[in-house]
């Protein structure tokens, strides 16, 4: 069983580089400064190029892109072309991703609530998903993945699941095929997302920390079966064992807990990519890798990939 580790968005080692330079809606409405917006977008692309290069040179094959590469792209009253003027940058990023065979995906923010009871929120959520799909398309990503939570629990879980199914049908087919559902830490369990998965024929990304916060039956085989490509999972460690801090992510990963998790899934006998969700990002990933080398007999293929 081959495991590859990844991290999300910000690179701690490149501490002054970010793909999330922002231009707030409030400031844009005051200034209407299109040159400033253009400068921020280019800055985010250049930062992404550095991070992708860093990942490639350090054998990090799995990376979550920031949703904030193009500020204001989903605001319906801010109209600008974020594709054609930036084709040079899309091509450069796509070239790196292809050359180094990097797996990249998106996890749209909490504002993307497909099963909201508010029509305007559903409409905005669909536009958010279209934006992410457009970026993946222009980055020439073949296996497009958009990780999504179920969202609202208004009027109870049964009604909320039904709303999700109904609104999912409103999505263009090409976006439906990108959606991967993740269990959350408060409401929608692994069982809930597996129900949606098997109803809508979409994969499930297990978030193990969320599972510990919001337990249900955990059927690894059903989760793996939901994927037609290599499955991905999320792993993080709680900030502390205190109830009020248990849901929050720690800076690093508890390597003993991670080893226990790996031992519980190794019977699946399939390759899996695991996103490390820790505040120290790539530093947490490499610290975990060093501890695994010390504590286990896992055979490392490179810096972030190993056989168990």
Protein backbone atom coordinates (compact mmCIF):
# COMPACT_ATOMS: atom_id res chain seq x y z
CA UNK A 1 0.00 0.00 0.00
CA UNK A 2 1.54 3.31 -1.10
CA UNK A 3 0.80 6.47 0.86
CA UNK A 4 1.60 9.97 -0.42
CA UNK A 5 1.36 12.97 1.88
CA UNK A 6 0.26 16.46 0.88
CA UNK A 7 -0.54 19.81 2.44
CA UNK A 8 -2.85 22.73 1.82
CA UNK A 9 -2.42 26.23 0.38
CA UNK A 10 0.23 28.06 2.39
CA UNK A 11 3.87 27.02 2.33
CA UNK A 12 5.51 27.66 5.70
CA UNK A 13 9.05 27.31 4.39
CA UNK A 14 8.47 30.06 1.83
CA UNK A 15 7.15 32.23 4.64
CA UNK A 16 6.65 35.50 2.75
CA UNK A 17 5.03 33.93 -0.30
CA UNK A 18 1.26 33.58 -0.54
CA UNK A 19 -1.24 32.80 -3.28
CA UNK A 20 -3.97 34.53 -1.24
CA UNK A 21 -3.22 38.22 -1.59
CA UNK A 22 -6.69 39.75 -1.41
CA UNK A 23 -8.61 42.74 -2.66
CA UNK A 24 -11.69 43.00 -0.49
CA UNK A 25 -15.06 43.65 -2.02
CA UNK A 26 -15.50 46.71 0.22
CA UNK A 27 -12.22 48.25 -0.92
CA UNK A 28 -12.87 47.45 -4.55
CA UNK A 29 -16.27 49.15 -4.42
CA UNK A 30 -14.57 52.26 -3.04
CA UNK A 31 -11.56 52.29 -5.36
CA UNK A 32 -12.59 50.45 -8.56
CA UNK A 33 -8.87 50.01 -9.13
CA UNK A 34 -8.52 47.44 -11.90
CA UNK A 35 -4.75 47.87 -12.04
CA UNK A 36 -4.50 46.98 -8.36
CA UNK A 37 -6.68 43.91 -8.94
CA UNK A 38 -4.49 42.86 -11.87
CA UNK A 39 -1.32 43.31 -9.78
CA UNK A 40 -2.75 41.11 -7.02
CA UNK A 41 -3.76 38.35 -9.45
CA UNK A 42 -0.33 38.31 -11.09
CA UNK A 43 1.31 38.28 -7.65
CA UNK A 44 -0.78 35.26 -6.66
CA UNK A 45 0.15 33.40 -9.84
CA UNK A 46 3.86 34.10 -9.35
CA UNK A 47 3.60 32.87 -5.75
CA UNK A 48 1.85 29.72 -6.92
CA UNK A 49 4.62 29.10 -9.42
CA UNK A 50 7.20 29.26 -6.61
CA UNK A 51 5.18 26.95 -4.37
CA UNK A 52 4.63 24.37 -7.12
CA UNK A 53 8.36 24.45 -7.89
CA UNK A 54 9.17 24.05 -4.18
CA UNK A 55 6.76 21.10 -3.97
CA UNK A 56 8.27 19.42 -7.02
CA UNK A 57 11.84 19.82 -5.79
CA UNK A 58 10.90 18.39 -2.40
CA UNK A 59 8.89 15.47 -3.77
CA UNK A 60 5.53 16.75 -2.54
CA UNK A 61 3.15 15.29 -5.10
CA UNK A 62 -0.17 16.32 -3.56
CA UNK A 63 -1.23 19.93 -2.91
CA UNK A 64 -4.44 21.86 -2.28
CA UNK A 65 -4.70 25.10 -4.22
CA UNK A 66 -5.95 28.24 -2.50
CA UNK A 67 -9.40 29.38 -3.62
CA UNK A 68 -8.23 32.99 -3.41
CA UNK A 69 -5.93 33.05 -6.44
CA UNK A 70 -8.39 35.31 -8.26
CA UNK A 71 -9.99 37.80 -5.83
CA UNK A 72 -13.58 38.92 -6.50
CA UNK A 73 -14.07 36.39 -9.31
CA UNK A 74 -17.41 35.19 -7.93
CA UNK A 75 -18.90 38.62 -7.17
CA UNK A 76 -21.69 39.07 -9.72
CA UNK A 77 -21.30 42.86 -9.87
CA UNK A 78 -17.51 42.72 -10.37
CA UNK A 79 -17.15 41.83 -14.03
CA UNK A 80 -13.69 41.12 -15.43
CA UNK A 81 -11.97 38.47 -17.52
CA UNK A 82 -9.76 36.32 -15.29
CA UNK A 83 -8.93 33.83 -18.04
CA UNK A 84 -7.67 35.33 -21.32
CA UNK A 85 -5.42 38.07 -19.87
CA UNK A 86 -3.67 35.47 -17.69
CA UNK A 87 -3.21 32.63 -20.17
CA UNK A 88 0.58 32.91 -19.91
CA UNK A 89 0.37 32.19 -16.18
CA UNK A 90 -2.14 29.35 -16.51
CA UNK A 91 0.14 27.73 -19.08
CA UNK A 92 3.17 28.07 -16.82
CA UNK A 93 1.34 26.52 -13.86
CA UNK A 94 -0.11 23.77 -16.05
CA UNK A 95 3.35 22.99 -17.40
CA UNK A 96 4.74 22.54 -13.87
CA UNK A 97 1.79 20.41 -12.75
CA UNK A 98 2.10 18.18 -15.82
CA UNK A 99 5.90 17.96 -15.81
CA UNK A 100 6.08 16.87 -12.18
CA UNK A 101 2.81 14.91 -12.17
CA UNK A 102 1.43 16.92 -9.24
CA UNK A 103 -2.03 16.14 -7.87
CA UNK A 104 -3.82 19.39 -7.08
CA UNK A 105 -7.37 20.11 -6.01
CA UNK A 106 -9.62 22.73 -4.41
CA UNK A 107 -11.71 22.86 -1.25
CA UNK A 108 -14.19 25.75 -1.70
CA UNK A 109 -14.83 27.81 1.44
CA UNK A 110 -17.66 27.64 3.97
CA UNK A 111 -19.55 30.18 1.83
CA UNK A 112 -20.24 27.45 -0.71
CA UNK A 113 -23.45 25.96 0.73
CA UNK A 114 -25.16 24.02 -2.01
CA UNK A 115 -28.06 22.89 0.20
CA UNK A 116 -28.87 26.32 1.66
CA UNK A 117 -32.54 27.22 2.14
CA UNK A 118 -31.77 30.63 0.63
CA UNK A 119 -32.02 30.76 -3.15
CA UNK A 120 -29.41 33.51 -3.43
CA UNK A 121 -26.90 31.42 -1.44
CA UNK A 122 -27.48 28.39 -3.68
CA UNK A 123 -27.01 30.58 -6.75
CA UNK A 124 -23.79 32.04 -5.33
CA UNK A 125 -22.56 28.55 -4.39
CA UNK A 126 -23.05 27.33 -7.95
CA UNK A 127 -21.04 30.32 -9.20
CA UNK A 128 -18.27 29.48 -6.71
CA UNK A 129 -18.12 25.92 -8.04
CA UNK A 130 -18.08 27.19 -11.65
CA UNK A 131 -15.15 29.48 -10.77
CA UNK A 132 -13.14 26.61 -9.28
CA UNK A 133 -13.94 24.37 -12.23
CA UNK A 134 -12.79 27.08 -14.65
CA UNK A 135 -9.44 27.35 -12.86
CA UNK A 136 -8.93 23.58 -12.94
CA UNK A 137 -9.85 23.53 -16.63
CA UNK A 138 -7.33 26.25 -17.47
CA UNK A 139 -4.67 24.52 -15.39
CA UNK A 140 -5.26 21.46 -17.62
CA UNK A 141 -6.15 19.22 -14.69
CA UNK A 142 -7.56 15.95 -16.00
CA UNK A 143 -8.88 14.47 -12.76
CA UNK A 144 -10.65 17.51 -11.34
CA UNK A 145 -11.59 17.41 -7.65
CA UNK A 146 -13.66 19.91 -5.67
CA UNK A 147 -14.01 18.87 -2.02
CA UNK A 148 -17.37 19.90 -0.61
CA UNK A 149 -19.16 19.71 2.73
CA UNK A 150 -22.88 18.94 2.75
CA UNK A 151 -23.53 22.35 4.34
CA UNK A 152 -26.72 23.58 6.00
CA UNK A 153 -28.73 21.59 8.55
CA UNK A 154 -31.79 23.87 8.40
CA UNK A 155 -35.07 21.98 9.04
CA UNK A 156 -33.18 18.87 10.09
CA UNK A 157 -30.77 16.41 8.56
CA UNK A 158 -33.28 14.48 6.41
CA UNK A 159 -34.52 17.65 4.71
CA UNK A 160 -30.97 18.96 4.34
CA UNK A 161 -29.78 15.81 2.59
CA UNK A 162 -32.82 15.98 0.27
CA UNK A 163 -32.03 19.63 -0.54
CA UNK A 164 -28.44 18.71 -1.36
CA UNK A 165 -29.60 16.02 -3.79
CA UNK A 166 -32.09 18.43 -5.39
CA UNK A 167 -29.58 21.27 -5.79
CA UNK A 168 -26.81 18.95 -6.95
CA UNK A 169 -28.98 18.25 -9.98
CA UNK A 170 -28.82 21.96 -10.86
CA UNK A 171 -25.07 21.77 -11.42
CA UNK A 172 -23.65 21.35 -14.92
CA UNK A 173 -22.70 17.72 -15.52
CA UNK A 174 -19.00 18.50 -15.78
CA UNK A 175 -19.07 20.05 -12.30
CA UNK A 176 -21.11 17.20 -10.84
CA UNK A 177 -18.30 14.91 -11.96
CA UNK A 178 -15.77 16.95 -9.93
CA UNK A 179 -17.59 16.92 -6.60
CA UNK A 180 -16.12 14.89 -3.74
CA UNK A 181 -17.99 14.91 -0.43
CA UNK A 182 -16.32 15.23 2.96
CA UNK A 183 -17.81 14.44 6.36
CA UNK A 184 -17.85 17.35 8.81
CA UNK A 185 -17.12 17.69 12.52
CA UNK A 186 -20.59 18.69 13.76
CA UNK A 187 -23.53 17.48 11.66
CA UNK A 188 -23.00 15.31 8.59
CA UNK A 189 -21.26 12.05 9.42
CA UNK A 190 -19.38 9.55 7.28
CA UNK A 191 -22.63 7.57 6.99
CA UNK A 192 -24.48 10.69 5.77
CA UNK A 193 -21.96 11.46 3.03
CA UNK A 194 -21.83 7.80 2.00
CA UNK A 195 -25.61 7.93 1.56
CA UNK A 196 -25.21 10.96 -0.73
CA UNK A 197 -22.25 9.33 -2.45
CA UNK A 198 -24.21 6.22 -3.35
CA UNK A 199 -27.27 8.25 -4.36
CA UNK A 200 -25.38 10.71 -6.56
CA UNK A 201 -22.41 8.55 -7.59
CA UNK A 202 -19.75 10.87 -6.16
CA UNK A 203 -16.63 9.94 -4.13
CA UNK A 204 -16.18 10.41 -0.39
CA UNK A 205 -13.09 12.01 1.13
CA UNK A 206 -12.80 10.74 4.69
CA UNK A 207 -11.71 13.41 7.16
CA UNK A 208 -10.54 11.28 10.08
CA UNK A 209 -10.38 14.14 12.57
CA UNK A 210 -13.94 15.14 11.70
CA UNK A 211 -14.94 11.52 12.17
CA UNK A 212 -13.50 11.55 15.70
CA UNK A 213 -15.50 14.71 16.44
CA UNK A 214 -18.71 13.41 14.88
CA UNK A 215 -18.71 9.63 14.93
CA UNK A 216 -20.84 7.17 13.01
CA UNK A 217 -20.23 3.79 11.46
CA UNK A 218 -16.92 3.90 9.58
CA UNK A 219 -16.91 1.63 6.55
CA UNK A 220 -13.56 2.00 4.82
CA UNK A 221 -14.46 -0.35 1.99
CA UNK A 222 -17.51 1.71 1.00
CA UNK A 223 -15.38 4.84 1.05
CA UNK A 224 -12.71 3.31 -1.19
CA UNK A 225 -15.34 1.84 -3.50
CA UNK A 226 -16.75 5.35 -4.10
CA UNK A 227 -13.57 6.34 -5.98
CA UNK A 228 -12.78 5.54 -9.61
CA UNK A 229 -9.36 7.20 -9.23
CA UNK A 230 -6.86 7.05 -6.36
CA UNK A 231 -8.69 7.89 -3.11
CA UNK A 232 -7.71 10.83 -0.95
CA UNK A 233 -8.26 11.33 2.76
CA UNK A 234 -7.68 14.12 5.28
CA UNK A 235 -5.83 13.75 8.57
CA UNK A 236 -5.24 16.28 11.32
CA UNK A 237 -4.62 16.25 15.05
CA UNK A 238 -6.71 18.15 17.62
CA UNK A 239 -5.26 21.30 19.15
CA UNK A 240 -5.80 19.67 22.55
CA UNK A 241 -7.94 17.02 24.19
CA UNK A 242 -10.07 19.71 25.83
CA UNK A 243 -13.60 19.64 24.42
CA UNK A 244 -13.56 23.31 23.38
CA UNK A 245 -10.29 22.87 21.46
CA UNK A 246 -10.67 19.32 20.13
CA UNK A 247 -12.17 20.42 16.80
CA UNK A 248 -9.33 22.88 16.09
CA UNK A 249 -6.25 21.76 14.18
CA UNK A 250 -2.89 21.39 15.89
CA UNK A 251 0.25 22.97 14.45
CA UNK A 252 1.65 19.48 13.86
CA UNK A 253 0.51 15.86 13.56
CA UNK A 254 0.51 13.34 16.40
CA UNK A 255 2.64 10.69 14.71
CA UNK A 256 1.49 7.90 17.05
CA UNK A 257 -2.16 8.61 16.20
CA UNK A 258 -1.26 8.73 12.51
CA UNK A 259 0.50 5.37 12.69
CA UNK A 260 -2.54 3.87 14.44
CA UNK A 261 -4.73 5.26 11.64
CA UNK A 262 -2.46 3.82 8.93
CA UNK A 263 -2.47 0.43 10.60
CA UNK A 264 -6.27 0.52 10.61
CA UNK A 265 -6.48 1.09 6.84
CA UNK A 266 -3.58 -0.98 5.51
CA UNK A 267 -5.88 -3.98 4.99
CA UNK A 268 -7.52 -1.99 2.17
CA UNK A 269 -4.44 -2.69 0.07
CA UNK A 270 -4.82 0.31 -2.26
CA UNK A 271 -2.75 3.45 -2.79
CA UNK A 272 -4.08 6.53 -0.96
CA UNK A 273 -3.14 10.23 -0.92
CA UNK A 274 -3.46 11.80 2.52
CA UNK A 275 -3.81 15.55 2.97
CA UNK A 276 -2.11 16.71 6.16
CA UNK A 277 -4.25 19.50 7.62
CA UNK A 278 -1.96 21.13 10.16
CA UNK A 279 -1.26 24.78 10.78
CA UNK A 280 2.45 24.34 10.08
CA UNK A 281 1.64 23.00 6.61
CA UNK A 282 4.70 21.59 4.81
CA UNK A 283 6.80 21.79 7.98
CA UNK A 284 4.26 19.57 9.74
CA UNK A 285 4.36 17.16 6.80
CA UNK A 286 8.14 16.80 6.88
CA UNK A 287 8.23 16.53 10.67
CA UNK A 288 5.70 13.70 10.44
CA UNK A 289 7.76 11.97 7.76
CA UNK A 290 10.89 12.12 9.95
CA UNK A 291 9.00 10.63 12.89
CA UNK A 292 7.57 7.85 10.72
CA UNK A 293 11.07 6.93 9.57
CA UNK A 294 12.17 6.70 13.21
CA UNK A 295 9.12 4.89 14.63
CA UNK A 296 8.21 2.47 11.84
CA UNK A 297 9.67 0.19 9.22
CA UNK A 298 7.71 1.83 6.41
CA UNK A 299 9.75 1.91 3.22
CA UNK A 300 10.12 5.48 1.97
CA UNK A 301 10.25 5.90 -1.79
CA UNK A 302 11.03 9.62 -1.52
CA UNK A 303 10.54 12.48 0.96
CA UNK A 304 6.75 12.16 1.23
CA UNK A 305 5.80 8.76 -0.22
CA UNK A 306 6.17 5.40 1.49
CA UNK A 307 4.98 1.80 1.46
CA UNK A 308 3.27 0.23 4.46
